[in-house]
Amino acid sequence: MKLGTVIAALALLVAPLAAQGKGHEGDHDNSQGRGGERGHGPKRYAVAPDRAVVVTREVLVKRGYEVVRVETVGNDQVVWYRAGNRGRGRGKGPPVKMVIRRDPVANKVVFLETPSPILVDIDVRLRVP
C-alpha cells in the first residue's frame, strides 16, 4: 500500500512537467501583424535621396553618433554609423548600417534598418519644408 501511494504521488508530480513547452506560440496567424503594424508598410518620403542622406547625417551627429561612410549600392544609400566616445573613455561602438532605398517608380525614399528613435527625428526633419 505504501508503494502504491508513492507511485501515485510521483505520477501527480510528473504530470505538470510533461506539459511544459507544449504552448501554442507558433500556431497563431501572423497575417495581420502586431498592433500598429496592421496593413502598413514602411513609411515613404517624397524627397530626393541626397536630401534624405543629409538629414540622416545631421540627425545622427546631433544624437552623438559618428557617420563612418555612405555607400551607393544600386538604388540604395547605405549609411554606416557608430556610437561616439561620449567622453566616457570606453571607445567607439561597432559600425551599424542604415539603408535609404530609393523607389524609382514613385520617386520616394524608404528608410530600412533604422532604429525608431532616430527615425522619429528624421521624420520630423523631413516633414518641415
N, C-alpha and C. Protein backbone atom coordinates (compact mmCIF):
# COMPACT_ATOMS: atom_id res chain seq x y z
N MET A 1 0.82 -1.18 0.00
CA MET A 1 0.00 0.00 0.00
C MET A 1 0.87 1.25 0.00
N LYS A 2 1.93 1.22 0.75
CA LYS A 2 2.80 2.37 0.82
C LYS A 2 3.48 2.60 -0.54
N LEU A 3 3.85 1.58 -1.24
CA LEU A 3 4.47 1.69 -2.56
C LEU A 3 3.49 2.29 -3.57
N GLY A 4 2.24 1.92 -3.49
CA GLY A 4 1.20 2.47 -4.38
C GLY A 4 1.00 3.96 -4.16
N THR A 5 1.08 4.37 -2.90
CA THR A 5 0.92 5.79 -2.59
C THR A 5 2.09 6.59 -3.15
N VAL A 6 3.29 6.05 -3.05
CA VAL A 6 4.48 6.72 -3.58
C VAL A 6 4.38 6.84 -5.09
N ILE A 7 3.95 5.80 -5.76
CA ILE A 7 3.83 5.82 -7.22
C ILE A 7 2.78 6.84 -7.65
N ALA A 8 1.65 6.88 -6.93
CA ALA A 8 0.60 7.83 -7.25
C ALA A 8 1.08 9.27 -7.05
N ALA A 9 1.85 9.52 -5.99
CA ALA A 9 2.37 10.85 -5.72
C ALA A 9 3.36 11.26 -6.82
N LEU A 10 4.20 10.32 -7.23
CA LEU A 10 5.16 10.61 -8.31
C LEU A 10 4.43 10.91 -9.61
N ALA A 11 3.38 10.19 -9.90
CA ALA A 11 2.62 10.42 -11.13
C ALA A 11 2.00 11.81 -11.12
N LEU A 12 1.51 12.26 -9.96
CA LEU A 12 0.93 13.59 -9.86
C LEU A 12 1.98 14.68 -10.01
N LEU A 13 3.19 14.42 -9.55
CA LEU A 13 4.26 15.41 -9.65
C LEU A 13 4.84 15.49 -11.07
N VAL A 14 4.84 14.37 -11.77
CA VAL A 14 5.44 14.32 -13.10
C VAL A 14 4.49 14.88 -14.16
N ALA A 15 3.19 14.80 -13.97
CA ALA A 15 2.22 15.23 -14.97
C ALA A 15 2.39 16.70 -15.37
N PRO A 16 2.55 17.66 -14.43
CA PRO A 16 2.74 19.05 -14.87
C PRO A 16 4.05 19.25 -15.63
N LEU A 17 5.08 18.48 -15.32
CA LEU A 17 6.35 18.62 -16.03
C LEU A 17 6.23 18.17 -17.47
N ALA A 18 5.39 17.20 -17.73
CA ALA A 18 5.22 16.71 -19.09
C ALA A 18 4.54 17.75 -19.97
N ALA A 19 3.77 18.64 -19.38
CA ALA A 19 3.06 19.66 -20.14
C ALA A 19 3.94 20.86 -20.46
N GLN A 20 5.11 20.98 -19.90
CA GLN A 20 5.98 22.12 -20.14
C GLN A 20 6.42 22.17 -21.60
N GLY A 21 6.41 23.37 -22.18
CA GLY A 21 6.88 23.55 -23.54
C GLY A 21 5.86 23.15 -24.59
N LYS A 22 4.62 22.94 -24.21
CA LYS A 22 3.61 22.50 -25.16
C LYS A 22 2.67 23.64 -25.54
N GLY A 23 3.11 24.88 -25.38
CA GLY A 23 2.26 26.03 -25.67
C GLY A 23 1.98 26.16 -27.16
N HIS A 24 1.15 27.11 -27.50
CA HIS A 24 0.75 27.32 -28.89
C HIS A 24 1.40 28.56 -29.46
N GLU A 25 2.67 28.78 -29.17
CA GLU A 25 3.36 30.00 -29.59
C GLU A 25 3.44 30.14 -31.10
N GLY A 26 3.67 29.09 -31.81
CA GLY A 26 3.84 29.17 -33.26
C GLY A 26 2.56 28.94 -34.03
N ASP A 27 1.43 28.74 -33.35
CA ASP A 27 0.20 28.39 -34.03
C ASP A 27 -0.65 29.58 -34.45
N HIS A 28 -0.34 30.80 -33.99
CA HIS A 28 -1.20 31.93 -34.31
C HIS A 28 -0.95 32.42 -35.72
N ASP A 29 -1.93 33.10 -36.28
CA ASP A 29 -1.87 33.60 -37.64
C ASP A 29 -1.21 34.98 -37.65
N ASN A 30 -0.10 35.12 -38.37
CA ASN A 30 0.63 36.39 -38.43
C ASN A 30 0.20 37.27 -39.59
N SER A 31 -0.90 36.95 -40.24
CA SER A 31 -1.28 37.70 -41.42
C SER A 31 -1.63 39.14 -41.11
N GLN A 32 -2.04 39.45 -39.89
CA GLN A 32 -2.41 40.82 -39.56
C GLN A 32 -1.32 41.56 -38.83
N GLY A 33 -0.21 40.95 -38.56
CA GLY A 33 0.90 41.63 -37.91
C GLY A 33 0.63 41.87 -36.44
N ARG A 34 1.42 42.78 -35.85
CA ARG A 34 1.26 43.10 -34.43
C ARG A 34 0.84 44.54 -34.27
N GLY A 35 -0.12 44.75 -33.46
CA GLY A 35 -0.51 46.09 -33.02
C GLY A 35 -0.64 47.09 -34.14
N GLY A 36 0.20 48.11 -34.13
CA GLY A 36 0.10 49.20 -35.08
C GLY A 36 0.62 48.86 -36.47
N GLU A 37 1.12 47.67 -36.68
CA GLU A 37 1.69 47.32 -37.96
C GLU A 37 0.64 46.81 -38.96
N ARG A 38 -0.59 46.73 -38.57
CA ARG A 38 -1.61 46.15 -39.43
C ARG A 38 -1.81 46.96 -40.70
N GLY A 39 -1.54 46.34 -41.83
CA GLY A 39 -1.82 46.96 -43.11
C GLY A 39 -0.88 48.09 -43.49
N HIS A 40 0.14 48.37 -42.72
CA HIS A 40 1.05 49.47 -43.02
C HIS A 40 2.43 48.92 -43.31
N GLY A 41 3.03 49.44 -44.36
CA GLY A 41 4.40 49.08 -44.67
C GLY A 41 5.32 50.17 -44.17
N PRO A 42 6.56 50.19 -44.64
CA PRO A 42 7.47 51.26 -44.23
C PRO A 42 6.99 52.61 -44.76
N LYS A 43 7.31 53.64 -44.02
CA LYS A 43 6.88 54.99 -44.38
C LYS A 43 7.73 55.50 -45.54
N ARG A 44 7.07 56.14 -46.50
CA ARG A 44 7.76 56.66 -47.68
C ARG A 44 7.78 58.19 -47.63
N TYR A 45 8.91 58.76 -48.06
CA TYR A 45 9.08 60.21 -48.05
C TYR A 45 9.33 60.69 -49.48
N ALA A 46 8.62 61.72 -49.89
CA ALA A 46 8.78 62.28 -51.24
C ALA A 46 9.89 63.33 -51.23
N VAL A 47 11.11 62.87 -51.01
CA VAL A 47 12.28 63.74 -51.03
C VAL A 47 13.36 63.07 -51.87
N ALA A 48 14.31 63.86 -52.30
CA ALA A 48 15.44 63.31 -53.05
C ALA A 48 16.32 62.48 -52.13
N PRO A 49 16.93 61.42 -52.64
CA PRO A 49 17.82 60.60 -51.80
C PRO A 49 18.96 61.41 -51.18
N ASP A 50 19.47 62.40 -51.91
CA ASP A 50 20.55 63.23 -51.37
C ASP A 50 20.08 64.01 -50.14
N ARG A 51 18.86 64.53 -50.19
CA ARG A 51 18.29 65.26 -49.04
C ARG A 51 18.11 64.31 -47.86
N ALA A 52 17.66 63.08 -48.14
CA ALA A 52 17.48 62.09 -47.08
C ALA A 52 18.81 61.76 -46.40
N VAL A 53 19.88 61.67 -47.17
CA VAL A 53 21.20 61.37 -46.61
C VAL A 53 21.69 62.54 -45.76
N VAL A 54 21.49 63.77 -46.24
CA VAL A 54 21.94 64.95 -45.49
C VAL A 54 21.21 65.04 -44.16
N VAL A 55 19.88 64.85 -44.18
CA VAL A 55 19.10 64.90 -42.95
C VAL A 55 19.51 63.78 -42.00
N THR A 56 19.73 62.58 -42.54
CA THR A 56 20.16 61.44 -41.71
C THR A 56 21.49 61.73 -41.04
N ARG A 57 22.42 62.28 -41.80
CA ARG A 57 23.73 62.61 -41.24
C ARG A 57 23.60 63.65 -40.11
N GLU A 58 22.77 64.68 -40.34
CA GLU A 58 22.59 65.72 -39.32
C GLU A 58 21.96 65.15 -38.04
N VAL A 59 20.96 64.29 -38.20
CA VAL A 59 20.30 63.70 -37.03
C VAL A 59 21.26 62.80 -36.26
N LEU A 60 22.04 61.99 -36.97
CA LEU A 60 22.98 61.08 -36.30
C LEU A 60 24.03 61.86 -35.53
N VAL A 61 24.58 62.91 -36.13
CA VAL A 61 25.61 63.71 -35.46
C VAL A 61 25.01 64.41 -34.25
N LYS A 62 23.79 64.93 -34.39
CA LYS A 62 23.13 65.60 -33.27
C LYS A 62 22.91 64.64 -32.10
N ARG A 63 22.65 63.36 -32.38
CA ARG A 63 22.42 62.37 -31.33
C ARG A 63 23.72 61.77 -30.79
N GLY A 64 24.88 62.21 -31.27
CA GLY A 64 26.15 61.75 -30.73
C GLY A 64 26.77 60.58 -31.47
N TYR A 65 26.27 60.28 -32.65
CA TYR A 65 26.84 59.21 -33.46
C TYR A 65 27.87 59.78 -34.42
N GLU A 66 28.75 58.92 -34.88
CA GLU A 66 29.75 59.29 -35.88
C GLU A 66 29.38 58.58 -37.18
N VAL A 67 29.22 59.33 -38.27
CA VAL A 67 28.94 58.73 -39.57
C VAL A 67 30.27 58.27 -40.15
N VAL A 68 30.38 56.97 -40.36
CA VAL A 68 31.64 56.39 -40.84
C VAL A 68 31.77 56.56 -42.35
N ARG A 69 30.72 56.17 -43.10
CA ARG A 69 30.75 56.33 -44.55
C ARG A 69 29.33 56.17 -45.11
N VAL A 70 29.16 56.63 -46.34
CA VAL A 70 27.90 56.48 -47.06
C VAL A 70 28.23 55.83 -48.39
N GLU A 71 27.60 54.69 -48.67
CA GLU A 71 27.86 53.94 -49.90
C GLU A 71 26.61 53.94 -50.77
N THR A 72 26.81 53.91 -52.08
CA THR A 72 25.70 53.74 -53.01
C THR A 72 25.76 52.32 -53.53
N VAL A 73 24.66 51.58 -53.31
CA VAL A 73 24.57 50.19 -53.76
C VAL A 73 23.27 50.07 -54.55
N GLY A 74 23.34 50.14 -55.87
CA GLY A 74 22.14 50.10 -56.70
C GLY A 74 21.26 51.31 -56.42
N ASN A 75 20.00 51.08 -56.04
CA ASN A 75 19.08 52.16 -55.68
C ASN A 75 19.17 52.55 -54.22
N ASP A 76 20.07 51.96 -53.48
CA ASP A 76 20.16 52.17 -52.04
C ASP A 76 21.35 53.05 -51.67
N GLN A 77 21.15 53.84 -50.63
CA GLN A 77 22.24 54.55 -49.98
C GLN A 77 22.42 53.87 -48.63
N VAL A 78 23.58 53.31 -48.38
CA VAL A 78 23.86 52.63 -47.12
C VAL A 78 24.70 53.57 -46.26
N VAL A 79 24.14 53.93 -45.10
CA VAL A 79 24.82 54.84 -44.17
C VAL A 79 25.38 54.00 -43.04
N TRP A 80 26.69 54.01 -42.88
CA TRP A 80 27.35 53.30 -41.78
C TRP A 80 27.67 54.31 -40.69
N TYR A 81 27.25 54.02 -39.47
CA TYR A 81 27.48 54.92 -38.35
C TYR A 81 27.81 54.11 -37.11
N ARG A 82 28.34 54.79 -36.10
CA ARG A 82 28.64 54.13 -34.83
C ARG A 82 28.55 55.14 -33.70
N ALA A 83 28.39 54.61 -32.51
CA ALA A 83 28.30 55.46 -31.33
C ALA A 83 29.64 56.14 -31.10
N GLY A 84 29.59 57.40 -30.76
CA GLY A 84 30.81 58.13 -30.45
C GLY A 84 31.28 57.80 -29.04
N ASN A 85 32.41 58.34 -28.66
CA ASN A 85 33.01 58.08 -27.36
C ASN A 85 32.17 58.64 -26.22
N ARG A 86 31.56 59.79 -26.42
CA ARG A 86 30.73 60.48 -25.43
C ARG A 86 31.47 60.78 -24.12
N GLY A 87 32.79 60.86 -24.19
CA GLY A 87 33.58 61.28 -23.04
C GLY A 87 33.70 60.28 -21.92
N ARG A 88 33.36 59.05 -22.15
CA ARG A 88 33.42 58.06 -21.08
C ARG A 88 34.65 57.16 -21.15
N GLY A 89 35.46 57.35 -22.18
CA GLY A 89 36.69 56.58 -22.29
C GLY A 89 36.50 55.11 -22.60
N ARG A 90 35.36 54.76 -23.17
CA ARG A 90 35.10 53.34 -23.48
C ARG A 90 35.25 53.04 -24.96
N GLY A 91 35.77 53.95 -25.72
CA GLY A 91 35.96 53.72 -27.14
C GLY A 91 34.69 53.95 -27.91
N LYS A 92 34.76 53.70 -29.19
CA LYS A 92 33.61 53.90 -30.06
C LYS A 92 32.90 52.58 -30.27
N GLY A 93 31.63 52.66 -30.60
CA GLY A 93 30.83 51.45 -30.78
C GLY A 93 31.11 50.78 -32.12
N PRO A 94 30.52 49.60 -32.32
CA PRO A 94 30.70 48.89 -33.59
C PRO A 94 29.90 49.59 -34.70
N PRO A 95 30.36 49.47 -35.95
CA PRO A 95 29.63 50.08 -37.06
C PRO A 95 28.26 49.43 -37.24
N VAL A 96 27.26 50.26 -37.48
CA VAL A 96 25.89 49.80 -37.71
C VAL A 96 25.44 50.42 -39.02
N LYS A 97 24.60 49.69 -39.78
CA LYS A 97 24.17 50.25 -41.06
C LYS A 97 22.70 50.62 -41.05
N MET A 98 22.39 51.58 -41.89
CA MET A 98 21.03 52.04 -42.12
C MET A 98 20.89 52.16 -43.64
N VAL A 99 19.77 51.72 -44.18
CA VAL A 99 19.58 51.73 -45.62
C VAL A 99 18.51 52.74 -45.99
N ILE A 100 18.82 53.58 -46.97
CA ILE A 100 17.85 54.52 -47.54
C ILE A 100 17.61 54.04 -48.96
N ARG A 101 16.44 53.48 -49.21
CA ARG A 101 16.12 52.90 -50.51
C ARG A 101 15.29 53.88 -51.33
N ARG A 102 15.72 54.06 -52.56
CA ARG A 102 15.00 54.95 -53.49
C ARG A 102 14.07 54.12 -54.35
N ASP A 103 12.81 54.53 -54.40
CA ASP A 103 11.83 53.87 -55.26
C ASP A 103 11.75 54.67 -56.56
N PRO A 104 12.32 54.14 -57.66
CA PRO A 104 12.38 54.93 -58.89
C PRO A 104 11.00 55.19 -59.51
N VAL A 105 10.04 54.32 -59.27
CA VAL A 105 8.72 54.49 -59.86
C VAL A 105 7.95 55.60 -59.15
N ALA A 106 7.90 55.55 -57.82
CA ALA A 106 7.14 56.54 -57.04
C ALA A 106 7.95 57.78 -56.71
N ASN A 107 9.24 57.79 -57.00
CA ASN A 107 10.13 58.91 -56.69
C ASN A 107 10.08 59.25 -55.21
N LYS A 108 10.18 58.24 -54.37
CA LYS A 108 10.17 58.40 -52.92
C LYS A 108 11.30 57.58 -52.32
N VAL A 109 11.63 57.86 -51.06
CA VAL A 109 12.64 57.09 -50.35
C VAL A 109 12.01 56.40 -49.15
N VAL A 110 12.61 55.27 -48.77
CA VAL A 110 12.16 54.48 -47.63
C VAL A 110 13.38 54.20 -46.76
N PHE A 111 13.24 54.34 -45.45
CA PHE A 111 14.32 54.05 -44.52
C PHE A 111 14.16 52.63 -44.01
N LEU A 112 15.21 51.82 -44.14
CA LEU A 112 15.20 50.44 -43.66
C LEU A 112 16.29 50.25 -42.61
N GLU A 113 16.06 49.34 -41.69
CA GLU A 113 17.03 49.01 -40.64
C GLU A 113 17.41 50.25 -39.83
N THR A 114 16.42 51.10 -39.56
CA THR A 114 16.65 52.33 -38.82
C THR A 114 15.99 52.24 -37.45
N PRO A 115 16.71 52.48 -36.37
CA PRO A 115 16.10 52.45 -35.03
C PRO A 115 14.98 53.50 -34.92
N SER A 116 13.94 53.17 -34.20
CA SER A 116 12.77 54.04 -34.08
C SER A 116 13.07 55.45 -33.57
N PRO A 117 13.88 55.62 -32.51
CA PRO A 117 14.14 56.99 -32.04
C PRO A 117 14.82 57.86 -33.10
N ILE A 118 15.70 57.27 -33.87
CA ILE A 118 16.38 58.03 -34.92
C ILE A 118 15.41 58.33 -36.05
N LEU A 119 14.55 57.37 -36.38
CA LEU A 119 13.58 57.56 -37.45
C LEU A 119 12.57 58.66 -37.10
N VAL A 120 12.22 58.80 -35.83
CA VAL A 120 11.31 59.86 -35.41
C VAL A 120 11.94 61.22 -35.69
N ASP A 121 13.21 61.38 -35.35
CA ASP A 121 13.89 62.66 -35.60
C ASP A 121 14.02 62.93 -37.10
N ILE A 122 14.31 61.89 -37.88
CA ILE A 122 14.41 62.06 -39.33
C ILE A 122 13.05 62.45 -39.89
N ASP A 123 12.00 61.82 -39.40
CA ASP A 123 10.64 62.13 -39.84
C ASP A 123 10.29 63.59 -39.60
N VAL A 124 10.62 64.07 -38.42
CA VAL A 124 10.33 65.48 -38.09
C VAL A 124 11.09 66.41 -39.03
N ARG A 125 12.35 66.12 -39.29
CA ARG A 125 13.17 66.97 -40.15
C ARG A 125 12.72 66.94 -41.61
N LEU A 126 12.26 65.78 -42.08
CA LEU A 126 11.84 65.68 -43.49
C LEU A 126 10.45 66.27 -43.73
N ARG A 127 9.64 66.35 -42.70
CA ARG A 127 8.29 66.91 -42.86
C ARG A 127 8.31 68.44 -42.88
N VAL A 128 9.30 69.04 -42.26
CA VAL A 128 9.38 70.51 -42.23
C VAL A 128 9.93 70.98 -43.58
N PRO A 129 9.20 71.89 -44.26
CA PRO A 129 9.68 72.33 -45.60
C PRO A 129 10.89 73.21 -45.54
